[in-house]
Full PDB file with SEQRES, HELIX, SHEET, SSBOND, CRYST1, ORIGX, SCALE, CONECT and MASTER records, all heavy atoms in Angstrom:
SEQRES   1 A   40  SER ASP THR VAL ALA PHE TRP LEU LYS PRO VAL GLY PHE          
SEQRES   2 A   40  PHE ASP ARG ASN PRO SER LEU ASP VAL ALA PRO SER MET          
SEQRES   3 A   40  SER THR HIS CYS ALA PRO GLY HIS ASP GLN ALA SER HIS          
SEQRES   4 A   40  ASP                                                          
HELIX    1 AA1 THR A   28  CYS A   30  5                                   3    
HELIX    2 AA2 GLN A   36  HIS A   39  5                                   4    
CRYST1    1.000    1.000    1.000  90.00  90.00  90.00 P 1           1          
ORIGX1      1.000000  0.000000  0.000000        0.00000                         
ORIGX2      0.000000  1.000000  0.000000        0.00000                         
ORIGX3      0.000000  0.000000  1.000000        0.00000                         
SCALE1      1.000000  0.000000  0.000000        0.00000                         
SCALE2      0.000000  1.000000  0.000000        0.00000                         
SCALE3      0.000000  0.000000  1.000000        0.00000                         
ATOM      1  N   SER A   1      -4.895 -21.276 -19.062  1.00  0.00           N  
ATOM      2  CA  SER A   1      -5.970 -20.376 -18.658  1.00  0.00           C  
ATOM      3  C   SER A   1      -5.997 -19.121 -19.523  1.00  0.00           C  
ATOM      4  O   SER A   1      -4.989 -18.442 -19.701  1.00  0.00           O  
ATOM      5  CB  SER A   1      -5.793 -19.971 -17.187  1.00  0.00           C  
ATOM      6  OG  SER A   1      -6.041 -21.061 -16.344  1.00  0.00           O  
ATOM      7  N   ASP A   2      -7.170 -18.838 -20.046  1.00  0.00           N  
ATOM      8  CA  ASP A   2      -7.422 -17.593 -20.777  1.00  0.00           C  
ATOM      9  C   ASP A   2      -8.116 -16.665 -19.790  1.00  0.00           C  
ATOM     10  O   ASP A   2      -9.193 -16.996 -19.269  1.00  0.00           O  
ATOM     11  CB  ASP A   2      -8.306 -17.859 -21.993  1.00  0.00           C  
ATOM     12  CG  ASP A   2      -8.225 -16.746 -23.017  1.00  0.00           C  
ATOM     13  OD1 ASP A   2      -7.775 -15.643 -22.658  1.00  0.00           O  
ATOM     14  OD2 ASP A   2      -8.632 -16.968 -24.170  1.00  0.00           O  
ATOM     15  N   THR A   3      -7.512 -15.515 -19.515  1.00  0.00           N  
ATOM     16  CA  THR A   3      -7.924 -14.686 -18.389  1.00  0.00           C  
ATOM     17  C   THR A   3      -8.564 -13.392 -18.850  1.00  0.00           C  
ATOM     18  O   THR A   3      -8.020 -12.681 -19.699  1.00  0.00           O  
ATOM     19  CB  THR A   3      -6.703 -14.366 -17.504  1.00  0.00           C  
ATOM     20  OG1 THR A   3      -6.118 -15.593 -17.051  1.00  0.00           O  
ATOM     21  CG2 THR A   3      -7.099 -13.529 -16.302  1.00  0.00           C  
ATOM     22  N   VAL A   4      -9.722 -13.095 -18.280  1.00  0.00           N  
ATOM     23  CA  VAL A   4     -10.380 -11.812 -18.496  1.00  0.00           C  
ATOM     24  C   VAL A   4     -10.799 -11.263 -17.136  1.00  0.00           C  
ATOM     25  O   VAL A   4     -10.983 -12.010 -16.175  1.00  0.00           O  
ATOM     26  CB  VAL A   4     -11.609 -11.926 -19.427  1.00  0.00           C  
ATOM     27  CG1 VAL A   4     -11.185 -12.294 -20.834  1.00  0.00           C  
ATOM     28  CG2 VAL A   4     -12.604 -12.948 -18.895  1.00  0.00           C  
ATOM     29  N   ALA A   5     -10.956  -9.944 -17.073  1.00  0.00           N  
ATOM     30  CA  ALA A   5     -11.288  -9.335 -15.787  1.00  0.00           C  
ATOM     31  C   ALA A   5     -11.936  -7.979 -16.010  1.00  0.00           C  
ATOM     32  O   ALA A   5     -11.826  -7.385 -17.087  1.00  0.00           O  
ATOM     33  CB  ALA A   5     -10.033  -9.176 -14.924  1.00  0.00           C  
ATOM     34  N   PHE A   6     -12.618  -7.492 -14.982  1.00  0.00           N  
ATOM     35  CA  PHE A   6     -13.061  -6.108 -14.958  1.00  0.00           C  
ATOM     36  C   PHE A   6     -12.856  -5.579 -13.544  1.00  0.00           C  
ATOM     37  O   PHE A   6     -12.622  -6.336 -12.598  1.00  0.00           O  
ATOM     38  CB  PHE A   6     -14.519  -5.963 -15.404  1.00  0.00           C  
ATOM     39  CG  PHE A   6     -15.534  -6.573 -14.464  1.00  0.00           C  
ATOM     40  CD1 PHE A   6     -16.068  -5.848 -13.408  1.00  0.00           C  
ATOM     41  CD2 PHE A   6     -15.977  -7.879 -14.641  1.00  0.00           C  
ATOM     42  CE1 PHE A   6     -17.005  -6.405 -12.540  1.00  0.00           C  
ATOM     43  CE2 PHE A   6     -16.916  -8.444 -13.786  1.00  0.00           C  
ATOM     44  CZ  PHE A   6     -17.429  -7.701 -12.731  1.00  0.00           C  
ATOM     45  N   TRP A   7     -12.943  -4.254 -13.406  1.00  0.00           N  
ATOM     46  CA  TRP A   7     -12.665  -3.603 -12.131  1.00  0.00           C  
ATOM     47  C   TRP A   7     -13.816  -2.700 -11.727  1.00  0.00           C  
ATOM     48  O   TRP A   7     -14.500  -2.110 -12.584  1.00  0.00           O  
ATOM     49  CB  TRP A   7     -11.399  -2.737 -12.233  1.00  0.00           C  
ATOM     50  CG  TRP A   7     -10.133  -3.496 -12.403  1.00  0.00           C  
ATOM     51  CD1 TRP A   7      -9.654  -4.055 -13.552  1.00  0.00           C  
ATOM     52  CD2 TRP A   7      -9.156  -3.772 -11.395  1.00  0.00           C  
ATOM     53  NE1 TRP A   7      -8.448  -4.663 -13.318  1.00  0.00           N  
ATOM     54  CE2 TRP A   7      -8.110  -4.503 -12.011  1.00  0.00           C  
ATOM     55  CE3 TRP A   7      -9.057  -3.468 -10.043  1.00  0.00           C  
ATOM     56  CZ2 TRP A   7      -6.992  -4.928 -11.307  1.00  0.00           C  
ATOM     57  CZ3 TRP A   7      -7.935  -3.888  -9.341  1.00  0.00           C  
ATOM     58  CH2 TRP A   7      -6.915  -4.620  -9.966  1.00  0.00           C  
ATOM     59  N   LEU A   8     -13.988  -2.582 -10.437  1.00  0.00           N  
ATOM     60  CA  LEU A   8     -14.808  -1.538  -9.832  1.00  0.00           C  
ATOM     61  C   LEU A   8     -13.853  -0.676  -9.017  1.00  0.00           C  
ATOM     62  O   LEU A   8     -13.228  -1.159  -8.072  1.00  0.00           O  
ATOM     63  CB  LEU A   8     -15.894  -2.131  -8.944  1.00  0.00           C  
ATOM     64  CG  LEU A   8     -16.946  -3.007  -9.642  1.00  0.00           C  
ATOM     65  CD1 LEU A   8     -17.803  -3.729  -8.613  1.00  0.00           C  
ATOM     66  CD2 LEU A   8     -17.818  -2.179 -10.572  1.00  0.00           C  
ATOM     67  N   LYS A   9     -13.736   0.604  -9.397  1.00  0.00           N  
ATOM     68  CA  LYS A   9     -12.744   1.472  -8.766  1.00  0.00           C  
ATOM     69  C   LYS A   9     -13.416   2.681  -8.132  1.00  0.00           C  
ATOM     70  O   LYS A   9     -14.291   3.310  -8.742  1.00  0.00           O  
ATOM     71  CB  LYS A   9     -11.712   1.934  -9.799  1.00  0.00           C  
ATOM     72  CG  LYS A   9     -10.844   0.816 -10.346  1.00  0.00           C  
ATOM     73  CD  LYS A   9      -9.642   1.354 -11.100  1.00  0.00           C  
ATOM     74  CE  LYS A   9      -8.680   0.229 -11.462  1.00  0.00           C  
ATOM     75  NZ  LYS A   9      -7.419   0.753 -12.037  1.00  0.00           N  
ATOM     76  N   PRO A  10     -12.993   3.035  -6.911  1.00  0.00           N  
ATOM     77  CA  PRO A  10     -13.586   4.203  -6.266  1.00  0.00           C  
ATOM     78  C   PRO A  10     -13.188   5.487  -6.986  1.00  0.00           C  
ATOM     79  O   PRO A  10     -12.031   5.672  -7.371  1.00  0.00           O  
ATOM     80  CB  PRO A  10     -13.007   4.153  -4.846  1.00  0.00           C  
ATOM     81  CG  PRO A  10     -11.729   3.382  -4.976  1.00  0.00           C  
ATOM     82  CD  PRO A  10     -11.958   2.397  -6.079  1.00  0.00           C  
ATOM     83  N   VAL A  11     -14.167   6.354  -7.170  1.00  0.00           N  
ATOM     84  CA  VAL A  11     -13.933   7.678  -7.752  1.00  0.00           C  
ATOM     85  C   VAL A  11     -14.562   8.692  -6.809  1.00  0.00           C  
ATOM     86  O   VAL A  11     -15.781   8.889  -6.804  1.00  0.00           O  
ATOM     87  CB  VAL A  11     -14.533   7.798  -9.167  1.00  0.00           C  
ATOM     88  CG1 VAL A  11     -14.278   9.204  -9.731  1.00  0.00           C  
ATOM     89  CG2 VAL A  11     -13.955   6.737 -10.093  1.00  0.00           C  
ATOM     90  N   GLY A  12     -13.739   9.295  -5.977  1.00  0.00           N  
ATOM     91  CA  GLY A  12     -14.274  10.237  -5.002  1.00  0.00           C  
ATOM     92  C   GLY A  12     -15.016   9.575  -3.861  1.00  0.00           C  
ATOM     93  O   GLY A  12     -15.644  10.264  -3.052  1.00  0.00           O  
ATOM     94  N   PHE A  13     -14.969   8.273  -3.783  1.00  0.00           N  
ATOM     95  CA  PHE A  13     -15.571   7.583  -2.641  1.00  0.00           C  
ATOM     96  C   PHE A  13     -14.775   7.917  -1.375  1.00  0.00           C  
ATOM     97  O   PHE A  13     -15.332   8.008  -0.283  1.00  0.00           O  
ATOM     98  CB  PHE A  13     -15.575   6.079  -2.901  1.00  0.00           C  
ATOM     99  CG  PHE A  13     -16.351   5.268  -1.901  1.00  0.00           C  
ATOM    100  CD1 PHE A  13     -17.728   5.153  -2.010  1.00  0.00           C  
ATOM    101  CD2 PHE A  13     -15.706   4.608  -0.863  1.00  0.00           C  
ATOM    102  CE1 PHE A  13     -18.455   4.398  -1.089  1.00  0.00           C  
ATOM    103  CE2 PHE A  13     -16.419   3.854   0.054  1.00  0.00           C  
ATOM    104  CZ  PHE A  13     -17.801   3.752  -0.055  1.00  0.00           C  
ATOM    105  N   PHE A  14     -13.463   8.076  -1.564  1.00  0.00           N  
ATOM    106  CA  PHE A  14     -12.573   8.499  -0.483  1.00  0.00           C  
ATOM    107  C   PHE A  14     -12.077   9.913  -0.781  1.00  0.00           C  
ATOM    108  O   PHE A  14     -12.089  10.367  -1.929  1.00  0.00           O  
ATOM    109  CB  PHE A  14     -11.383   7.547  -0.361  1.00  0.00           C  
ATOM    110  CG  PHE A  14     -11.773   6.103  -0.163  1.00  0.00           C  
ATOM    111  CD1 PHE A  14     -11.769   5.215  -1.226  1.00  0.00           C  
ATOM    112  CD2 PHE A  14     -12.141   5.637   1.086  1.00  0.00           C  
ATOM    113  CE1 PHE A  14     -12.112   3.888  -1.056  1.00  0.00           C  
ATOM    114  CE2 PHE A  14     -12.484   4.296   1.274  1.00  0.00           C  
ATOM    115  CZ  PHE A  14     -12.483   3.424   0.201  1.00  0.00           C  
ATOM    116  N   ASP A  15     -11.606  10.586   0.241  1.00  0.00           N  
ATOM    117  CA  ASP A  15     -11.078  11.941   0.061  1.00  0.00           C  
ATOM    118  C   ASP A  15      -9.654  11.937  -0.479  1.00  0.00           C  
ATOM    119  O   ASP A  15      -9.179  12.948  -1.003  1.00  0.00           O  
ATOM    120  CB  ASP A  15     -11.095  12.700   1.392  1.00  0.00           C  
ATOM    121  CG  ASP A  15     -12.506  13.026   1.856  1.00  0.00           C  
ATOM    122  OD1 ASP A  15     -13.448  12.772   1.081  1.00  0.00           O  
ATOM    123  OD2 ASP A  15     -12.658  13.522   2.982  1.00  0.00           O  
ATOM    124  N   ARG A  16      -8.975  10.810  -0.326  1.00  0.00           N  
ATOM    125  CA  ARG A  16      -7.581  10.698  -0.769  1.00  0.00           C  
ATOM    126  C   ARG A  16      -7.264   9.205  -0.871  1.00  0.00           C  
ATOM    127  O   ARG A  16      -8.146   8.367  -0.642  1.00  0.00           O  
ATOM    128  CB  ARG A  16      -6.628  11.395   0.208  1.00  0.00           C  
ATOM    129  CG  ARG A  16      -6.677  10.838   1.628  1.00  0.00           C  
ATOM    130  CD  ARG A  16      -5.924  11.697   2.611  1.00  0.00           C  
ATOM    131  NE  ARG A  16      -6.418  13.071   2.630  1.00  0.00           N  
ATOM    132  CZ  ARG A  16      -7.503  13.472   3.323  1.00  0.00           C  
ATOM    133  NH1 ARG A  16      -8.190  12.594   4.052  1.00  0.00           N  
ATOM    134  NH2 ARG A  16      -7.895  14.717   3.301  1.00  0.00           N  
ATOM    135  N   ASN A  17      -6.031   8.906  -1.200  1.00  0.00           N  
ATOM    136  CA  ASN A  17      -5.594   7.515  -1.284  1.00  0.00           C  
ATOM    137  C   ASN A  17      -5.879   6.811   0.048  1.00  0.00           C  
ATOM    138  O   ASN A  17      -5.272   7.146   1.074  1.00  0.00           O  
ATOM    139  CB  ASN A  17      -4.100   7.470  -1.599  1.00  0.00           C  
ATOM    140  CG  ASN A  17      -3.553   6.056  -1.698  1.00  0.00           C  
ATOM    141  OD1 ASN A  17      -4.231   5.082  -1.379  1.00  0.00           O  
ATOM    142  ND2 ASN A  17      -2.308   5.940  -2.123  1.00  0.00           N  
ATOM    143  N   PRO A  18      -6.811   5.845   0.077  1.00  0.00           N  
ATOM    144  CA  PRO A  18      -7.148   5.207   1.355  1.00  0.00           C  
ATOM    145  C   PRO A  18      -6.088   4.244   1.857  1.00  0.00           C  
ATOM    146  O   PRO A  18      -6.210   3.734   2.982  1.00  0.00           O  
ATOM    147  CB  PRO A  18      -8.450   4.465   1.033  1.00  0.00           C  
ATOM    148  CG  PRO A  18      -8.351   4.162  -0.423  1.00  0.00           C  
ATOM    149  CD  PRO A  18      -7.625   5.327  -1.039  1.00  0.00           C  
ATOM    150  N   SER A  19      -5.045   4.007   1.050  1.00  0.00           N  
ATOM    151  CA  SER A  19      -4.012   3.062   1.485  1.00  0.00           C  
ATOM    152  C   SER A  19      -2.786   3.762   2.052  1.00  0.00           C  
ATOM    153  O   SER A  19      -1.726   3.141   2.197  1.00  0.00           O  
ATOM    154  CB  SER A  19      -3.599   2.158   0.316  1.00  0.00           C  
ATOM    155  OG  SER A  19      -2.989   2.904  -0.723  1.00  0.00           O  
ATOM    156  N   LEU A  20      -2.901   5.042   2.396  1.00  0.00           N  
ATOM    157  CA  LEU A  20      -1.782   5.739   3.035  1.00  0.00           C  
ATOM    158  C   LEU A  20      -1.396   5.094   4.360  1.00  0.00           C  
ATOM    159  O   LEU A  20      -0.248   5.193   4.800  1.00  0.00           O  
ATOM    160  CB  LEU A  20      -2.142   7.211   3.271  1.00  0.00           C  
ATOM    161  CG  LEU A  20      -2.207   8.119   2.044  1.00  0.00           C  
ATOM    162  CD1 LEU A  20      -2.646   9.516   2.460  1.00  0.00           C  
ATOM    163  CD2 LEU A  20      -0.872   8.159   1.322  1.00  0.00           C  
ATOM    164  N   ASP A  21      -2.367   4.441   5.007  1.00  0.00           N  
ATOM    165  CA  ASP A  21      -2.094   3.864   6.322  1.00  0.00           C  
ATOM    166  C   ASP A  21      -1.548   2.446   6.259  1.00  0.00           C  
ATOM    167  O   ASP A  21      -1.362   1.804   7.299  1.00  0.00           O  
ATOM    168  CB  ASP A  21      -3.359   3.901   7.186  1.00  0.00           C  
ATOM    169  CG  ASP A  21      -4.513   3.122   6.561  1.00  0.00           C  
ATOM    170  OD1 ASP A  21      -4.405   2.715   5.381  1.00  0.00           O  
ATOM    171  OD2 ASP A  21      -5.538   2.930   7.249  1.00  0.00           O  
ATOM    172  N   VAL A  22      -1.287   1.927   5.053  1.00  0.00           N  
ATOM    173  CA  VAL A  22      -0.693   0.590   4.951  1.00  0.00           C  
ATOM    174  C   VAL A  22       0.722   0.634   5.508  1.00  0.00           C  
ATOM    175  O   VAL A  22       1.520   1.516   5.165  1.00  0.00           O  
ATOM    176  CB  VAL A  22      -0.687   0.108   3.485  1.00  0.00           C  
ATOM    177  CG1 VAL A  22       0.136  -1.176   3.336  1.00  0.00           C  
ATOM    178  CG2 VAL A  22      -2.115  -0.127   3.011  1.00  0.00           C  
ATOM    179  N   ALA A  23       1.040  -0.302   6.378  1.00  0.00           N  
ATOM    180  CA  ALA A  23       2.341  -0.318   7.038  1.00  0.00           C  
ATOM    181  C   ALA A  23       3.448  -0.644   6.049  1.00  0.00           C  
ATOM    182  O   ALA A  23       3.243  -1.391   5.088  1.00  0.00           O  
ATOM    183  CB  ALA A  23       2.339  -1.344   8.167  1.00  0.00           C  
ATOM    184  N   PRO A  24       4.649  -0.094   6.266  1.00  0.00           N  
ATOM    185  CA  PRO A  24       5.772  -0.448   5.390  1.00  0.00           C  
ATOM    186  C   PRO A  24       6.155  -1.910   5.561  1.00  0.00           C  
ATOM    187  O   PRO A  24       5.857  -2.540   6.570  1.00  0.00           O  
ATOM    188  CB  PRO A  24       6.894   0.481   5.859  1.00  0.00           C  
ATOM    189  CG  PRO A  24       6.529   0.840   7.257  1.00  0.00           C  
ATOM    190  CD  PRO A  24       5.031   0.870   7.304  1.00  0.00           C  
ATOM    191  N   SER A  25       6.813  -2.438   4.542  1.00  0.00           N  
ATOM    192  CA  SER A  25       7.254  -3.826   4.590  1.00  0.00           C  
ATOM    193  C   SER A  25       8.365  -3.991   5.614  1.00  0.00           C  
ATOM    194  O   SER A  25       8.940  -3.020   6.102  1.00  0.00           O  
ATOM    195  CB  SER A  25       7.740  -4.264   3.208  1.00  0.00           C  
ATOM    196  OG  SER A  25       6.686  -4.158   2.268  1.00  0.00           O  
ATOM    197  N   MET A  26       8.697  -5.234   5.925  1.00  0.00           N  
ATOM    198  CA  MET A  26       9.580  -5.510   7.050  1.00  0.00           C  
ATOM    199  C   MET A  26      11.040  -5.238   6.755  1.00  0.00           C  
ATOM    200  O   MET A  26      11.810  -4.958   7.655  1.00  0.00           O  
ATOM    201  CB  MET A  26       9.396  -6.960   7.485  1.00  0.00           C  
ATOM    202  CG  MET A  26       7.978  -7.250   7.952  1.00  0.00           C  
ATOM    203  SD  MET A  26       7.764  -8.986   8.314  1.00  0.00           S  
ATOM    204  CE  MET A  26       5.977  -9.065   8.493  1.00  0.00           C  
ATOM    205  N   SER A  27      11.449  -5.332   5.509  1.00  0.00           N  
ATOM    206  CA  SER A  27      12.854  -5.103   5.183  1.00  0.00           C  
ATOM    207  C   SER A  27      13.162  -3.617   5.278  1.00  0.00           C  
ATOM    208  O   SER A  27      12.455  -2.783   4.730  1.00  0.00           O  
ATOM    209  CB  SER A  27      13.157  -5.602   3.769  1.00  0.00           C  
ATOM    210  OG  SER A  27      12.956  -6.993   3.697  1.00  0.00           O  
ATOM    211  N   THR A  28      14.244  -3.259   5.954  1.00  0.00           N  
ATOM    212  CA  THR A  28      14.529  -1.846   6.235  1.00  0.00           C  
ATOM    213  C   THR A  28      14.790  -1.045   4.972  1.00  0.00           C  
ATOM    214  O   THR A  28      14.519   0.149   4.928  1.00  0.00           O  
ATOM    215  CB  THR A  28      15.747  -1.738   7.162  1.00  0.00           C  
ATOM    216  OG1 THR A  28      16.864  -2.409   6.562  1.00  0.00           O  
ATOM    217  CG2 THR A  28      15.443  -2.358   8.516  1.00  0.00           C  
ATOM    218  N   HIS A  29      15.299  -1.683   3.926  1.00  0.00           N  
ATOM    219  CA  HIS A  29      15.608  -0.916   2.724  1.00  0.00           C  
ATOM    220  C   HIS A  29      14.342  -0.451   2.004  1.00  0.00           C  
ATOM    221  O   HIS A  29      14.405   0.411   1.134  1.00  0.00           O  
ATOM    222  CB  HIS A  29      16.478  -1.737   1.765  1.00  0.00           C  
ATOM    223  CG  HIS A  29      15.786  -2.946   1.213  1.00  0.00           C  
ATOM    224  ND1 HIS A  29      15.810  -4.170   1.837  1.00  0.00           N  
ATOM    225  CD2 HIS A  29      15.045  -3.114   0.090  1.00  0.00           C  
ATOM    226  CE1 HIS A  29      15.127  -5.043   1.120  1.00  0.00           C  
ATOM    227  NE2 HIS A  29      14.652  -4.440   0.065  1.00  0.00           N  
ATOM    228  N   CYS A  30      13.171  -0.999   2.378  1.00  0.00           N  
ATOM    229  CA  CYS A  30      11.932  -0.588   1.727  1.00  0.00           C  
ATOM    230  C   CYS A  30      11.425   0.746   2.257  1.00  0.00           C  
ATOM    231  O   CYS A  30      10.647   1.409   1.597  1.00  0.00           O  
ATOM    232  CB  CYS A  30      10.847  -1.652   1.922  1.00  0.00           C  
ATOM    233  SG  CYS A  30      11.151  -3.144   0.958  1.00  0.00           S  
ATOM    234  N   ALA A  31      11.822   1.133   3.454  1.00  0.00           N  
ATOM    235  CA  ALA A  31      11.329   2.384   4.039  1.00  0.00           C  
ATOM    236  C   ALA A  31      12.415   2.987   4.916  1.00  0.00           C  
ATOM    237  O   ALA A  31      12.308   3.007   6.133  1.00  0.00           O  
ATOM    238  CB  ALA A  31      10.058   2.139   4.841  1.00  0.00           C  
ATOM    239  N   PRO A  32      13.514   3.500   4.324  1.00  0.00           N  
ATOM    240  CA  PRO A  32      14.648   3.964   5.126  1.00  0.00           C  
ATOM    241  C   PRO A  32      14.336   5.173   5.979  1.00  0.00           C  
ATOM    242  O   PRO A  32      15.052   5.453   6.933  1.00  0.00           O  
ATOM    243  CB  PRO A  32      15.709   4.297   4.057  1.00  0.00           C  
ATOM    244  CG  PRO A  32      14.936   4.543   2.811  1.00  0.00           C  
ATOM    245  CD  PRO A  32      13.764   3.618   2.879  1.00  0.00           C  
ATOM    246  N   GLY A  33      13.287   5.884   5.682  1.00  0.00           N  
ATOM    247  CA  GLY A  33      12.959   7.056   6.469  1.00  0.00           C  
ATOM    248  C   GLY A  33      12.306   6.737   7.786  1.00  0.00           C  
ATOM    249  O   GLY A  33      12.059   7.628   8.600  1.00  0.00           O  
ATOM    250  N   HIS A  34      11.992   5.465   8.038  1.00  0.00           N  
ATOM    251  CA  HIS A  34      11.304   5.088   9.266  1.00  0.00           C  
ATOM    252  C   HIS A  34      12.299   4.621  10.323  1.00  0.00           C  
ATOM    253  O   HIS A  34      13.412   4.184  10.015  1.00  0.00           O  
ATOM    254  CB  HIS A  34      10.278   3.983   8.969  1.00  0.00           C  
ATOM    255  CG  HIS A  34       9.128   4.476   8.178  1.00  0.00           C  
ATOM    256  ND1 HIS A  34       7.944   4.878   8.724  1.00  0.00           N  
ATOM    257  CD2 HIS A  34       8.991   4.660   6.832  1.00  0.00           C  
ATOM    258  CE1 HIS A  34       7.115   5.271   7.775  1.00  0.00           C  
ATOM    259  NE2 HIS A  34       7.729   5.150   6.615  1.00  0.00           N  
ATOM    260  N   ASP A  35      11.876   4.678  11.549  1.00  0.00           N  
ATOM    261  CA  ASP A  35      12.726   4.295  12.671  1.00  0.00           C  
ATOM    262  C   ASP A  35      13.135   2.834  12.554  1.00  0.00           C  
ATOM    263  O   ASP A  35      12.307   1.962  12.312  1.00  0.00           O  
ATOM    264  CB  ASP A  35      11.971   4.544  13.985  1.00  0.00           C  
ATOM    265  CG  ASP A  35      12.811   4.138  15.182  1.00  0.00           C  
ATOM    266  OD1 ASP A  35      13.968   4.569  15.264  1.00  0.00           O  
ATOM    267  OD2 ASP A  35      12.273   3.382  16.032  1.00  0.00           O  
ATOM    268  N   GLN A  36      14.437   2.591  12.721  1.00  0.00           N  
ATOM    269  CA  GLN A  36      14.960   1.236  12.571  1.00  0.00           C  
ATOM    270  C   GLN A  36      14.250   0.247  13.490  1.00  0.00           C  
ATOM    271  O   GLN A  36      13.975  -0.883  13.105  1.00  0.00           O  
ATOM    272  CB  GLN A  36      16.473   1.231  12.867  1.00  0.00           C  
ATOM    273  CG  GLN A  36      17.103  -0.163  12.939  1.00  0.00           C  
ATOM    274  CD  GLN A  36      17.087  -0.881  11.604  1.00  0.00           C  
ATOM    275  OE1 GLN A  36      17.206  -0.271  10.568  1.00  0.00           O  
ATOM    276  NE2 GLN A  36      16.904  -2.199  11.639  1.00  0.00           N  
ATOM    277  N   ALA A  37      13.919   0.691  14.696  1.00  0.00           N  
ATOM    278  CA  ALA A  37      13.324  -0.233  15.663  1.00  0.00           C  
ATOM    279  C   ALA A  37      12.009  -0.792  15.164  1.00  0.00           C  
ATOM    280  O   ALA A  37      11.633  -1.910  15.492  1.00  0.00           O  
ATOM    281  CB  ALA A  37      13.123   0.475  17.008  1.00  0.00           C  
ATOM    282  N   SER A  38      11.307   0.004  14.353  1.00  0.00           N  
ATOM    283  CA  SER A  38       9.996  -0.467  13.883  1.00  0.00           C  
ATOM    284  C   SER A  38      10.141  -1.584  12.875  1.00  0.00           C  
ATOM    285  O   SER A  38       9.156  -2.198  12.483  1.00  0.00           O  
ATOM    286  CB  SER A  38       9.206   0.687  13.258  1.00  0.00           C  
ATOM    287  OG  SER A  38       9.838   1.126  12.065  1.00  0.00           O  
ATOM    288  N   HIS A  39      11.395  -1.822  12.411  1.00  0.00           N  
ATOM    289  CA  HIS A  39      11.597  -2.850  11.389  1.00  0.00           C  
ATOM    290  C   HIS A  39      12.390  -4.033  11.909  1.00  0.00           C  
ATOM    291  O   HIS A  39      12.749  -4.919  11.150  1.00  0.00           O  
ATOM    292  CB  HIS A  39      12.316  -2.246  10.173  1.00  0.00           C  
ATOM    293  CG  HIS A  39      11.571  -1.103   9.572  1.00  0.00           C  
ATOM    294  ND1 HIS A  39      10.364  -1.246   8.951  1.00  0.00           N  
ATOM    295  CD2 HIS A  39      11.867   0.221   9.530  1.00  0.00           C  
ATOM    296  CE1 HIS A  39       9.948  -0.063   8.535  1.00  0.00           C  
ATOM    297  NE2 HIS A  39      10.824   0.844   8.873  1.00  0.00           N  
ATOM    298  N   ASP A  40      12.722  -4.025  13.211  1.00  0.00           N  
ATOM    299  CA  ASP A  40      13.466  -5.154  13.768  1.00  0.00           C  
ATOM    300  C   ASP A  40      12.510  -6.307  14.034  1.00  0.00           C  
ATOM    301  O   ASP A  40      11.622  -6.213  14.874  1.00  0.00           O  
ATOM    302  CB  ASP A  40      14.158  -4.753  15.071  1.00  0.00           C  
ATOM    303  CG  ASP A  40      15.360  -3.863  14.797  1.00  0.00           C  
ATOM    304  OD1 ASP A  40      15.867  -3.896  13.654  1.00  0.00           O  
ATOM    305  OD2 ASP A  40      15.777  -3.136  15.729  1.00  0.00           O  
TER     306      ASP A  40                                                      
MASTER        0    0    0    2    0    0    0    6  305    1    0    4          
END                                                                             
């Protein structure tokens, strides 16, 4: 496969990074600052 691509990217469409609310991954070492119970 010969791959080409283009992007459409928001510029000021949002006030800030809209992915701040993405949940941390399940492994505890990925987000040690979070409560352990949330990763059990």
